């Protein structure tokens, strides 16, 4: 009950804008600091606002994708990313820029878990290692942001404006390169959004439709996907009816299903059924029921129930299931891994352009060419982002061959995470240009392998009913690390820039330890297999 890889090849290109925006914020950070005269200890608030928005977006959109479907959320999040990107171009104060980036974060944060879930549910099980390779388009997004920045920032920025030897520069007129960066990326995001409608045929996840009770629609969608891939298949409701699949083989899946069913029944009873009253109060009861019916028929009530009550209740029900029985340990480990990994990576990545500019600052002499000091660091950022492009493909290959050597994906991921921390630590030990480039490229490559495996592995560990919520909540908790990282990093940079890298290295070691524990959990709970049916 899955689509072939060719179906995905027509739409995975639209994943590019997701990482593109995160890289753009990191690149623009030093220039924004100059524009608004923000201290090093406070500039991290901008990135924190972005990641806080991503946390809220992951929670909201992840749960809504379980309720409303994958395609609606898939399209809405990208359109909102473009809208809020344009908003960032027009703001003129640091607080309003933080607000705009918070809103941008809600859209980007919702895209990541939703897109991964959507891809997983339409890939055949034997091709699921390709989900890991989708992360290569995240790397392409970073490259696009870095290349655009290389063209628009140096000639439209006041480089080293904080140094006494810097030439005169009107910050309000000549330091708008970061705004042009946001504008160009917004245009690219709009193009990607339009491409989803005019060039690619997107269909709802058949697996989601089955579990939503829309089996006829699932059969129709599968027939359309088969036709797109050059096959004419006659698919009936019986072909997509997989109620038998996960019942026996999934660790804890029945517990989650039972929890969801019971609580959904409670919701319907509490929201729809009047409470029985004693006979002397029948008139009051009739009036009360009439009043309740009037309220329930109002559009405001229906909207509130659809967009507020149902998502909150659904999120609570599904999270309760994830924290019950055999699922508890696995869920907590996954959430801890996402949070610590995001903290470690973000501390380094957000401040990398700042660290590179710091190393490139001249100690003496005049600076007649005000922009020359920005070209070198931006080229290094371009090389850094290019270094990550093969990472997703390498990650997909490692995931594909892991079963041959009896490795779990968690164990492979632990190795990639440790290697990322090692490259990060090496960055503090080198000083020459070549060695700086080699360590940053190594960091980029290993971190891309790391993230690609994590994004591909996480959805496989949860059943369909809670997959969107599990991935969305994991992504949201990782944003807590993302929120804290710029604040911590800003303080560390003001003390000693090397502390940023050392802290990042230490947290990567913590992530590695949690992954080893997850590896053991998978061995004991499910024999190194996911809780998803083999026929999925």
Protein backbone atom coordinates (compact mmCIF):
# COMPACT_ATOMS: atom_id res chain seq x y z
CA UNK A 1 0.00 0.00 0.00
CA UNK A 2 2.73 2.42 -0.97
CA UNK A 3 3.87 4.59 -3.85
CA UNK A 4 6.96 3.97 -5.89
CA UNK A 5 10.06 6.18 -5.71
CA UNK A 6 9.17 7.81 -9.04
CA UNK A 7 6.10 9.35 -7.41
CA UNK A 8 8.38 10.97 -4.83
CA UNK A 9 10.90 12.20 -7.35
CA UNK A 10 8.31 14.69 -8.63
CA UNK A 11 7.86 16.43 -5.31
CA UNK A 12 10.92 16.03 -3.05
CA UNK A 13 12.52 19.06 -4.70
CA UNK A 14 10.05 21.20 -2.78
CA UNK A 15 11.79 20.21 0.47
CA UNK A 16 14.61 22.62 -0.39
CA UNK A 17 13.14 25.77 1.28
CA UNK A 18 13.00 24.17 4.73
CA UNK A 19 16.71 24.18 5.55
CA UNK A 20 17.23 27.19 3.30
CA UNK A 21 15.55 29.48 5.81
CA UNK A 22 17.45 28.15 8.82
CA UNK A 23 20.77 28.67 7.06
CA UNK A 24 19.73 32.16 5.96
CA UNK A 25 19.02 33.26 9.53
CA UNK A 26 22.46 32.03 10.65
CA UNK A 27 24.20 33.80 7.75
CA UNK A 28 22.32 37.05 8.31
CA UNK A 29 22.93 37.14 12.06
CA UNK A 30 26.16 39.23 12.04
CA UNK A 31 24.67 41.74 9.58
CA UNK A 32 21.45 42.05 11.58
CA UNK A 33 23.55 42.66 14.67
CA UNK A 34 25.12 45.65 12.88
CA UNK A 35 21.78 46.98 11.60
CA UNK A 36 20.12 47.11 15.00
CA UNK A 37 23.23 47.58 17.18
CA UNK A 38 22.44 44.42 19.17
CA UNK A 39 25.02 43.04 21.60
CA UNK A 40 26.58 39.60 21.11
CA UNK A 41 24.79 38.35 24.21
CA UNK A 42 21.39 39.46 22.83
CA UNK A 43 21.61 38.67 19.11
CA UNK A 44 20.77 35.05 19.88
CA UNK A 45 17.19 36.11 20.64
CA UNK A 46 16.51 36.20 16.90
CA UNK A 47 17.48 32.57 16.35
CA UNK A 48 15.71 31.60 19.57
CA UNK A 49 12.51 33.23 18.30
CA UNK A 50 12.82 31.23 15.09
CA UNK A 51 13.32 27.94 16.90
CA UNK A 52 10.55 28.69 19.40
CA UNK A 53 8.24 29.19 16.42
CA UNK A 54 9.47 25.89 15.01
CA UNK A 55 8.64 24.18 18.28
CA UNK A 56 5.08 25.52 18.28
CA UNK A 57 4.69 24.76 14.59
CA UNK A 58 5.86 21.16 15.00
CA UNK A 59 3.36 20.58 17.80
CA UNK A 60 0.47 22.23 15.95
CA UNK A 61 1.01 20.97 12.42
CA UNK A 62 2.14 17.50 13.48
CA UNK A 63 -1.14 16.88 15.29
CA UNK A 64 -3.22 18.59 12.59
CA UNK A 65 -1.67 16.27 10.01
CA UNK A 66 -3.08 13.34 12.01
CA UNK A 67 -6.52 14.99 11.97
CA UNK A 68 -6.83 16.86 8.67
CA UNK A 69 -4.47 14.81 6.51
CA UNK A 70 -0.92 15.14 5.25
CA UNK A 71 -1.46 17.06 1.99
CA UNK A 72 -3.30 20.04 3.49
CA UNK A 73 -0.59 20.60 6.08
CA UNK A 74 2.10 19.83 3.49
CA UNK A 75 0.91 22.76 1.34
CA UNK A 76 -0.12 25.21 4.05
CA UNK A 77 3.22 25.22 5.82
CA UNK A 78 5.17 26.08 2.66
CA UNK A 79 2.81 28.90 1.68
CA UNK A 80 3.07 30.40 5.17
CA UNK A 81 6.87 30.16 5.01
CA UNK A 82 6.84 32.40 1.94
CA UNK A 83 4.39 34.85 3.51
CA UNK A 84 6.34 35.29 6.74
CA UNK A 85 9.62 35.43 4.81
CA UNK A 86 8.35 38.51 2.97
CA UNK A 87 7.28 39.95 6.32
CA UNK A 88 10.88 39.68 7.57
CA UNK A 89 11.99 41.80 4.61
CA UNK A 90 9.75 44.73 5.59
CA UNK A 91 10.35 45.01 9.35
CA UNK A 92 12.52 47.83 10.67
CA UNK A 93 13.10 47.00 14.35
CA UNK A 94 14.78 44.08 16.07
CA UNK A 95 11.70 43.06 18.16
CA UNK A 96 9.45 43.00 15.08
CA UNK A 97 12.08 40.98 13.21
CA UNK A 98 12.06 38.47 16.07
CA UNK A 99 8.26 38.30 15.80
CA UNK A 100 8.41 37.78 12.03
CA UNK A 101 10.98 35.02 12.46
CA UNK A 102 8.84 33.39 15.13
CA UNK A 103 5.98 33.22 12.63
CA UNK A 104 8.36 31.96 9.95
CA UNK A 105 9.50 29.28 12.39
CA UNK A 106 5.94 28.04 12.96
CA UNK A 107 5.63 27.30 9.25
CA UNK A 108 9.09 25.78 8.76
CA UNK A 109 8.79 23.76 11.98
CA UNK A 110 5.54 22.23 10.77
CA UNK A 111 6.95 21.32 7.37
CA UNK A 112 9.79 19.10 8.55
CA UNK A 113 7.91 16.40 10.52
CA UNK A 114 4.92 16.49 8.16
CA UNK A 115 6.98 16.02 5.02
CA UNK A 116 8.93 13.14 6.56
CA UNK A 117 5.73 11.42 7.68
CA UNK A 118 4.12 11.95 4.28
CA UNK A 119 7.11 10.48 2.48
CA UNK A 120 7.33 7.46 4.78
CA UNK A 121 3.67 6.54 4.36
CA UNK A 122 3.90 6.52 0.57
CA UNK A 123 7.17 4.61 0.21
CA UNK A 124 7.29 0.80 -0.05
CA UNK A 125 8.98 -0.77 2.95
CA UNK A 126 11.84 -2.11 0.82
CA UNK A 127 12.53 1.44 -0.40
CA UNK A 128 12.33 3.25 2.93
CA UNK A 129 16.07 3.82 3.02
CA UNK A 130 15.32 6.45 0.34
CA UNK A 131 13.64 8.54 3.03
CA UNK A 132 17.10 9.13 4.45
CA UNK A 133 18.35 10.36 1.08
CA UNK A 134 15.63 13.03 0.96
CA UNK A 135 17.75 15.04 3.38
CA UNK A 136 20.09 15.82 0.49
CA UNK A 137 17.56 18.46 -0.53
CA UNK A 138 17.88 20.06 2.89
CA UNK A 139 21.59 20.43 2.09
CA UNK A 140 20.75 21.93 -1.29
CA UNK A 141 18.61 24.45 0.55
CA UNK A 142 21.59 25.46 2.68
CA UNK A 143 23.75 25.80 -0.44
CA UNK A 144 21.15 28.03 -2.12
CA UNK A 145 20.98 30.30 0.94
CA UNK A 146 24.77 30.54 1.11
CA UNK A 147 25.18 31.26 -2.61
CA UNK A 148 22.45 33.92 -2.61
CA UNK A 149 24.08 35.49 0.44
CA UNK A 150 27.44 35.55 -1.34
CA UNK A 151 25.89 37.63 -4.13
CA UNK A 152 23.70 40.03 -2.15
CA UNK A 153 25.40 40.57 1.23
CA UNK A 154 29.02 41.73 0.59
CA UNK A 155 28.07 44.64 -1.68
CA UNK A 156 25.18 45.73 0.53
CA UNK A 157 26.69 45.52 4.01
CA UNK A 158 28.82 47.49 6.43
CA UNK A 159 31.62 45.05 7.20
CA UNK A 160 33.47 45.43 10.51
CA UNK A 161 31.35 48.48 11.32
CA UNK A 162 32.09 47.96 15.02
CA UNK A 163 35.85 48.45 14.52
CA UNK A 164 37.32 51.96 14.89
CA UNK A 165 39.33 51.59 11.66
CA UNK A 166 36.29 50.76 9.54
CA UNK A 167 35.44 53.28 6.76
CA UNK A 168 32.24 55.37 7.02
CA UNK A 169 29.05 53.45 6.20
CA UNK A 170 25.38 54.42 6.51
CA UNK A 171 23.90 51.43 8.30
CA UNK A 172 20.31 52.32 7.38
CA UNK A 173 21.03 52.56 3.63
CA UNK A 174 24.10 50.42 3.03
CA UNK A 175 23.52 47.44 5.34
CA UNK A 176 20.40 45.93 3.77
CA UNK A 177 22.06 42.86 2.26
CA UNK A 178 20.40 40.58 4.80
CA UNK A 179 16.99 41.99 3.79
CA UNK A 180 17.69 41.27 0.14
CA UNK A 181 18.65 37.73 1.15
CA UNK A 182 15.29 37.20 2.85
CA UNK A 183 13.42 38.69 -0.12
CA UNK A 184 15.12 36.44 -2.70
CA UNK A 185 14.54 33.34 -0.57
CA UNK A 186 10.86 34.29 -0.21
CA UNK A 187 10.55 34.44 -3.99
CA UNK A 188 12.18 31.00 -4.26
CA UNK A 189 9.77 29.64 -1.63
CA UNK A 190 6.78 31.00 -3.58
CA UNK A 191 8.11 29.27 -6.70
CA UNK A 192 8.38 25.98 -4.80
CA UNK A 193 4.83 26.40 -3.46
CA UNK A 194 3.43 27.02 -6.94
CA UNK A 195 5.36 24.03 -8.26
CA UNK A 196 3.47 21.77 -5.86
CA UNK A 197 0.23 22.74 -7.60
CA UNK A 198 1.13 23.26 -11.25
CA UNK A 199 3.89 20.71 -11.89
CA UNK A 200 3.39 17.88 -9.37
CA UNK A 201 0.31 15.80 -8.60
CA UNK A 202 0.03 15.41 -4.86
CA UNK A 203 -2.32 12.81 -3.42
CA UNK A 204 -3.22 12.19 0.18
CA UNK A 205 -1.29 9.46 1.99
CA UNK A 206 -3.16 6.19 1.31
CA UNK A 207 -2.16 4.89 4.70
CA UNK A 208 -3.57 7.97 6.41
CA UNK A 209 -6.84 7.56 4.47
CA UNK A 210 -7.17 3.93 5.56
CA UNK A 211 -6.70 4.78 9.22
CA UNK A 212 -9.10 7.72 8.84
CA UNK A 213 -11.78 5.29 7.66
CA UNK A 214 -11.65 6.50 4.04
CA UNK A 215 -10.72 3.22 2.40
CA UNK A 216 -12.51 3.96 -0.87
CA UNK A 217 -10.47 7.15 -1.27
CA UNK A 218 -7.28 5.24 -0.44
CA UNK A 219 -8.01 2.75 -3.24
CA UNK A 220 -8.62 5.59 -5.71
CA UNK A 221 -5.39 7.35 -4.70
CA UNK A 222 -3.34 4.17 -5.08
CA UNK A 223 -4.81 3.60 -8.53
CA UNK A 224 -3.85 7.16 -9.54
CA UNK A 225 -0.32 6.71 -8.22
CA UNK A 226 0.02 3.40 -10.07
CA UNK A 227 -1.21 5.08 -13.27
CA UNK A 228 1.35 7.87 -12.78
CA UNK A 229 4.07 5.22 -12.57
CA UNK A 230 2.90 3.57 -15.79
CA UNK A 231 0.82 0.74 -14.31
CA UNK A 232 -2.90 0.19 -14.72
CA UNK A 233 -4.05 -1.64 -11.59
CA UNK A 234 -7.53 -2.48 -10.40
CA UNK A 235 -7.45 -1.70 -6.68
CA UNK A 236 -10.41 -2.43 -4.41
CA UNK A 237 -11.20 -1.63 -0.80
CA UNK A 238 -10.14 -5.15 0.16
CA UNK A 239 -6.66 -4.44 -1.20
CA UNK A 240 -6.15 -1.49 1.15
CA UNK A 241 -7.87 -2.98 4.19
CA UNK A 242 -4.91 -3.64 6.50
CA UNK A 243 -6.72 -3.77 9.83
CA UNK A 244 -4.99 -7.10 10.41
CA UNK A 245 -1.49 -5.83 9.90
CA UNK A 246 -0.36 -4.07 12.97
CA UNK A 247 -2.51 -5.88 15.47
CA UNK A 248 -0.21 -8.76 16.19
CA UNK A 249 3.30 -7.72 15.47
CA UNK A 250 3.59 -4.22 16.81
CA UNK A 251 4.93 -3.62 20.26
CA UNK A 252 2.35 -1.57 22.08
CA UNK A 253 0.31 -0.64 19.00
CA UNK A 254 -2.87 -2.16 20.40
CA UNK A 255 -2.38 -0.19 23.59
CA UNK A 256 -2.21 3.04 21.65
CA UNK A 257 -5.21 2.15 19.51
CA UNK A 258 -7.28 1.23 22.54
CA UNK A 259 -6.27 4.44 24.31
CA UNK A 260 -7.23 6.55 21.30
CA UNK A 261 -10.53 4.74 20.82
CA UNK A 262 -11.55 5.04 24.47
CA UNK A 263 -10.65 8.70 24.75
CA UNK A 264 -12.29 9.55 21.42
CA UNK A 265 -15.41 7.88 22.78
CA UNK A 266 -15.15 9.93 25.94
CA UNK A 267 -14.82 13.12 23.91
CA UNK A 268 -17.92 12.30 21.89
CA UNK A 269 -19.86 11.47 25.04
CA UNK A 270 -18.77 14.60 26.89
CA UNK A 271 -19.29 16.97 23.98
CA UNK A 272 -22.38 15.44 22.40
CA UNK A 273 -24.50 13.61 25.00
CA UNK A 274 -26.63 15.48 27.52
CA UNK A 275 -26.35 14.36 31.13
CA UNK A 276 -29.43 12.59 32.49
CA UNK A 277 -31.40 14.59 35.00
CA UNK A 278 -34.10 13.75 37.49
CA UNK A 279 -37.75 13.94 36.48
CA UNK A 280 -38.69 17.14 38.39
CA UNK A 281 -36.17 19.02 36.29
CA UNK A 282 -37.44 17.93 32.88
CA UNK A 283 -38.45 21.44 31.86
CA UNK A 284 -35.10 22.82 32.87
CA UNK A 285 -33.45 19.96 31.04
CA UNK A 286 -35.41 20.65 27.87
CA UNK A 287 -34.47 24.31 27.98
CA UNK A 288 -30.88 23.44 28.72
CA UNK A 289 -30.72 20.95 25.85
CA UNK A 290 -32.21 23.52 23.52
CA UNK A 291 -29.61 26.04 24.61
CA UNK A 292 -26.79 23.53 24.20
CA UNK A 293 -28.05 22.57 20.74
CA UNK A 294 -28.18 26.24 19.79
CA UNK A 295 -24.61 26.78 20.96
CA UNK A 296 -23.36 23.64 19.22
CA UNK A 297 -24.99 24.67 15.96
CA UNK A 298 -23.24 28.04 15.98
CA UNK A 299 -20.35 28.49 13.58
CA UNK A 300 -18.12 29.85 16.36
CA UNK A 301 -18.57 26.69 18.41
CA UNK A 302 -17.91 24.44 15.43
CA UNK A 303 -14.79 26.38 14.49
CA UNK A 304 -13.51 26.34 18.07
CA UNK A 305 -14.12 22.62 18.34
CA UNK A 306 -12.48 21.86 14.99
CA UNK A 307 -9.40 24.06 15.36
CA UNK A 308 -8.86 24.26 19.13
CA UNK A 309 -10.61 21.51 21.11
CA UNK A 310 -10.01 18.63 18.70
CA UNK A 311 -6.29 19.29 18.08
CA UNK A 312 -5.56 19.72 21.79
CA UNK A 313 -7.55 16.64 22.73
CA UNK A 314 -6.03 14.60 19.90
CA UNK A 315 -2.52 15.64 20.91
CA UNK A 316 -3.19 14.69 24.55
CA UNK A 317 -4.65 11.31 23.60
CA UNK A 318 -1.78 10.40 21.32
CA UNK A 319 0.96 11.59 23.66
CA UNK A 320 -0.67 9.59 26.46
CA UNK A 321 -0.48 6.52 24.25
CA UNK A 322 3.16 7.18 23.44
CA UNK A 323 4.02 7.36 27.13
CA UNK A 324 2.16 4.16 28.00
CA UNK A 325 3.48 0.62 28.35
CA UNK A 326 6.28 -0.55 26.10
CA UNK A 327 6.39 2.72 24.20
CA UNK A 328 7.49 4.90 27.13
CA UNK A 329 11.23 4.19 27.10
CA UNK A 330 11.54 4.40 23.33
CA UNK A 331 9.56 7.64 23.17
CA UNK A 332 11.56 9.36 25.91
CA UNK A 333 14.86 8.29 24.35
CA UNK A 334 13.83 9.57 20.92
CA UNK A 335 12.71 12.89 22.37
CA UNK A 336 15.93 13.23 24.38
CA UNK A 337 18.02 12.46 21.28
CA UNK A 338 16.22 15.07 19.21
CA UNK A 339 16.58 17.71 21.91
CA UNK A 340 20.28 17.20 22.68
CA UNK A 341 21.23 16.78 19.04
CA UNK A 342 19.48 20.02 18.12
CA UNK A 343 21.13 21.84 21.01
CA UNK A 344 24.62 20.67 20.03
CA UNK A 345 24.21 21.30 16.31
CA UNK A 346 22.50 24.67 16.64
CA UNK A 347 25.09 26.11 19.02
CA UNK A 348 27.75 25.49 16.38
CA UNK A 349 25.77 26.15 13.20
CA UNK A 350 24.10 29.41 14.25
CA UNK A 351 27.38 31.00 15.27
CA UNK A 352 29.58 29.52 12.51
CA UNK A 353 29.34 32.62 10.26
CA UNK A 354 30.11 34.78 13.29
CA UNK A 355 33.08 32.59 14.24
CA UNK A 356 34.41 32.69 10.68
CA UNK A 357 34.07 36.47 10.53
CA UNK A 358 35.76 36.72 13.92
CA UNK A 359 38.74 34.73 12.63
CA UNK A 360 38.95 36.82 9.46
CA UNK A 361 39.00 40.22 11.20
CA UNK A 362 42.19 42.17 10.53
CA UNK A 363 44.23 43.10 13.56
CA UNK A 364 45.85 46.20 12.11
CA UNK A 365 45.88 48.36 9.04
CA UNK A 366 43.21 50.17 7.10
CA UNK A 367 40.22 48.59 5.41
CA UNK A 368 39.63 50.54 2.23
CA UNK A 369 37.55 47.72 0.79
CA UNK A 370 34.79 47.53 3.35
CA UNK A 371 33.20 44.39 1.90
CA UNK A 372 36.31 42.30 1.30
CA UNK A 373 36.22 41.03 4.86
CA UNK A 374 32.83 39.38 4.19
CA UNK A 375 33.59 37.54 0.96
CA UNK A 376 36.08 35.11 2.53
CA UNK A 377 33.83 33.98 5.42
CA UNK A 378 30.83 33.67 3.09
CA UNK A 379 32.85 31.50 0.71
CA UNK A 380 33.71 29.31 3.69
CA UNK A 381 30.00 29.04 4.50
CA UNK A 382 29.32 28.02 0.88
CA UNK A 383 32.00 25.32 1.12
CA UNK A 384 30.55 24.25 4.49
CA UNK A 385 27.08 23.79 2.99
CA UNK A 386 28.43 22.02 -0.12
CA UNK A 387 30.30 19.60 2.13
CA UNK A 388 27.00 18.37 3.52
CA UNK A 389 25.40 17.49 0.16
CA UNK A 390 26.79 13.92 -0.10
CA UNK A 391 25.90 13.27 3.54
CA UNK A 392 22.30 12.26 2.94
CA UNK A 393 23.29 9.82 0.19
CA UNK A 394 25.98 8.31 2.41
CA UNK A 395 23.44 8.09 5.23
CA UNK A 396 20.97 6.29 2.96
CA UNK A 397 23.69 3.84 1.93
CA UNK A 398 24.66 3.14 5.54
CA UNK A 399 21.01 2.56 6.47
CA UNK A 400 20.63 0.21 3.50
CA UNK A 401 23.65 -1.96 4.38
CA UNK A 402 23.20 -1.84 8.17
CA UNK A 403 21.06 -5.04 8.37
CA UNK A 404 23.79 -7.04 6.62
CA UNK A 405 26.12 -6.36 9.52
CA UNK A 406 23.38 -6.64 12.18
CA UNK A 407 23.61 -2.94 12.95
CA UNK A 408 20.57 -1.03 14.04
CA UNK A 409 19.96 2.41 12.59
CA UNK A 410 20.41 3.79 16.10
CA UNK A 411 23.93 2.35 16.25
CA UNK A 412 24.85 3.80 12.85
CA UNK A 413 23.43 7.13 13.98
CA UNK A 414 25.48 6.98 17.19
CA UNK A 415 28.66 6.63 15.12
CA UNK A 416 27.72 9.59 12.91
CA UNK A 417 26.89 11.72 15.94
CA UNK A 418 30.19 10.95 17.64
CA UNK A 419 32.09 11.76 14.42
CA UNK A 420 30.23 15.08 14.19
CA UNK A 421 31.35 15.97 17.69
CA UNK A 422 34.93 14.98 16.87
CA UNK A 423 35.01 17.31 13.83
CA UNK A 424 33.51 20.04 15.94
CA UNK A 425 36.24 19.64 18.55
CA UNK A 426 38.94 19.62 15.85
CA UNK A 427 37.72 23.06 14.72
CA UNK A 428 39.07 24.53 17.96
CA UNK A 429 42.52 23.02 17.43
CA UNK A 430 43.32 24.32 13.93
CA UNK A 431 44.25 27.78 12.70
CA UNK A 432 45.26 27.64 9.02
CA UNK A 433 42.69 28.34 6.28
CA UNK A 434 42.96 24.84 4.78
CA UNK A 435 42.49 23.12 8.14
CA UNK A 436 39.54 25.35 9.02
CA UNK A 437 37.88 24.40 5.73
CA UNK A 438 38.59 20.68 6.25
CA UNK A 439 37.14 20.63 9.76
CA UNK A 440 34.03 22.61 8.80
CA UNK A 441 33.43 20.39 5.75
CA UNK A 442 33.87 17.31 7.94
CA UNK A 443 31.42 18.75 10.44
CA UNK A 444 28.92 19.52 7.67
CA UNK A 445 29.25 16.07 6.09
CA UNK A 446 28.89 14.11 9.33
CA UNK A 447 26.05 16.28 10.66
CA UNK A 448 24.11 15.79 7.42
CA UNK A 449 24.59 12.02 7.71
CA UNK A 450 23.44 12.32 11.31
CA UNK A 451 20.29 14.32 10.59
CA UNK A 452 19.35 12.30 7.51
CA UNK A 453 19.41 9.05 9.48
CA UNK A 454 17.48 10.59 12.37
CA UNK A 455 14.77 12.02 10.09
CA UNK A 456 14.43 8.71 8.28
CA UNK A 457 14.55 6.53 11.38
CA UNK A 458 12.12 8.35 13.68
CA UNK A 459 8.85 7.85 11.72
CA UNK A 460 9.58 4.12 11.37
CA UNK A 461 9.56 3.65 15.14
CA UNK A 462 5.88 4.59 15.56
CA UNK A 463 2.56 3.28 14.25
CA UNK A 464 0.40 5.25 11.84
CA UNK A 465 -2.15 6.47 14.39
CA UNK A 466 0.45 8.43 16.34
CA UNK A 467 3.24 8.86 13.80
CA UNK A 468 2.52 12.50 13.01
CA UNK A 469 2.17 13.39 16.68
CA UNK A 470 5.30 11.43 17.68
CA UNK A 471 7.44 13.04 15.00
CA UNK A 472 5.91 16.45 15.55
CA UNK A 473 6.47 16.32 19.30
CA UNK A 474 10.04 15.09 18.83
CA UNK A 475 10.68 17.94 16.42
CA UNK A 476 9.04 20.40 18.82
CA UNK A 477 11.20 19.26 21.72
CA UNK A 478 14.27 19.58 19.53
CA UNK A 479 13.30 23.21 19.10
CA UNK A 480 13.68 23.68 22.84
CA UNK A 481 17.33 22.88 22.21
CA UNK A 482 17.20 25.27 19.29
CA UNK A 483 15.73 28.01 21.47
CA UNK A 484 18.33 27.56 24.21
CA UNK A 485 21.32 27.20 21.86
CA UNK A 486 21.48 30.82 20.58
CA UNK A 487 20.97 32.20 24.08
CA UNK A 488 23.73 30.01 25.51
CA UNK A 489 25.95 30.58 22.49
CA UNK A 490 25.53 34.35 22.65
CA UNK A 491 26.80 34.41 26.22
CA UNK A 492 29.67 32.04 25.39
CA UNK A 493 30.76 34.10 22.36
CA UNK A 494 30.97 37.22 24.50
CA UNK A 495 33.29 35.32 26.90
CA UNK A 496 35.38 33.22 24.50
CA UNK A 497 34.28 32.02 21.02
CA UNK A 498 35.98 28.65 21.52
CA UNK A 499 33.54 27.87 24.34
CA UNK A 500 30.74 27.65 21.77
CA UNK A 501 32.47 24.79 19.98
CA UNK A 502 33.53 22.98 23.15
CA UNK A 503 29.99 23.09 24.53
CA UNK A 504 28.64 21.75 21.25
CA UNK A 505 31.12 18.86 21.37
CA UNK A 506 30.11 17.91 24.92
CA UNK A 507 26.40 17.80 24.06
CA UNK A 508 27.08 15.65 20.99
CA UNK A 509 28.66 13.11 23.36
CA UNK A 510 25.44 13.08 25.41
CA UNK A 511 23.43 12.42 22.24
CA UNK A 512 25.74 9.52 21.40
CA UNK A 513 25.10 7.95 24.80
CA UNK A 514 21.31 8.22 24.38
CA UNK A 515 21.55 6.57 20.96
CA UNK A 516 23.42 3.62 22.40
CA UNK A 517 20.60 3.22 24.94
CA UNK A 518 18.05 3.39 22.11
CA UNK A 519 19.97 0.68 20.24
CA UNK A 520 19.64 -1.60 23.27
CA UNK A 521 15.94 -0.74 23.61
CA UNK A 522 15.28 -1.72 20.00
CA UNK A 523 17.09 -5.02 20.49
CA UNK A 524 15.10 -5.95 23.58
CA UNK A 525 11.67 -4.65 22.57
CA UNK A 526 11.35 -5.50 18.89
CA UNK A 527 14.40 -7.39 17.73
CA UNK A 528 15.85 -4.38 15.90
CA UNK A 529 12.70 -3.99 13.77
CA UNK A 530 10.26 -1.12 13.63
CA UNK A 531 6.76 -1.48 15.07
CA UNK A 532 5.34 -1.10 11.56
CA UNK A 533 4.04 -4.07 9.62
CA UNK A 534 6.29 -5.66 7.01
CA UNK A 535 3.50 -5.27 4.44
CA UNK A 536 3.20 -1.57 5.22
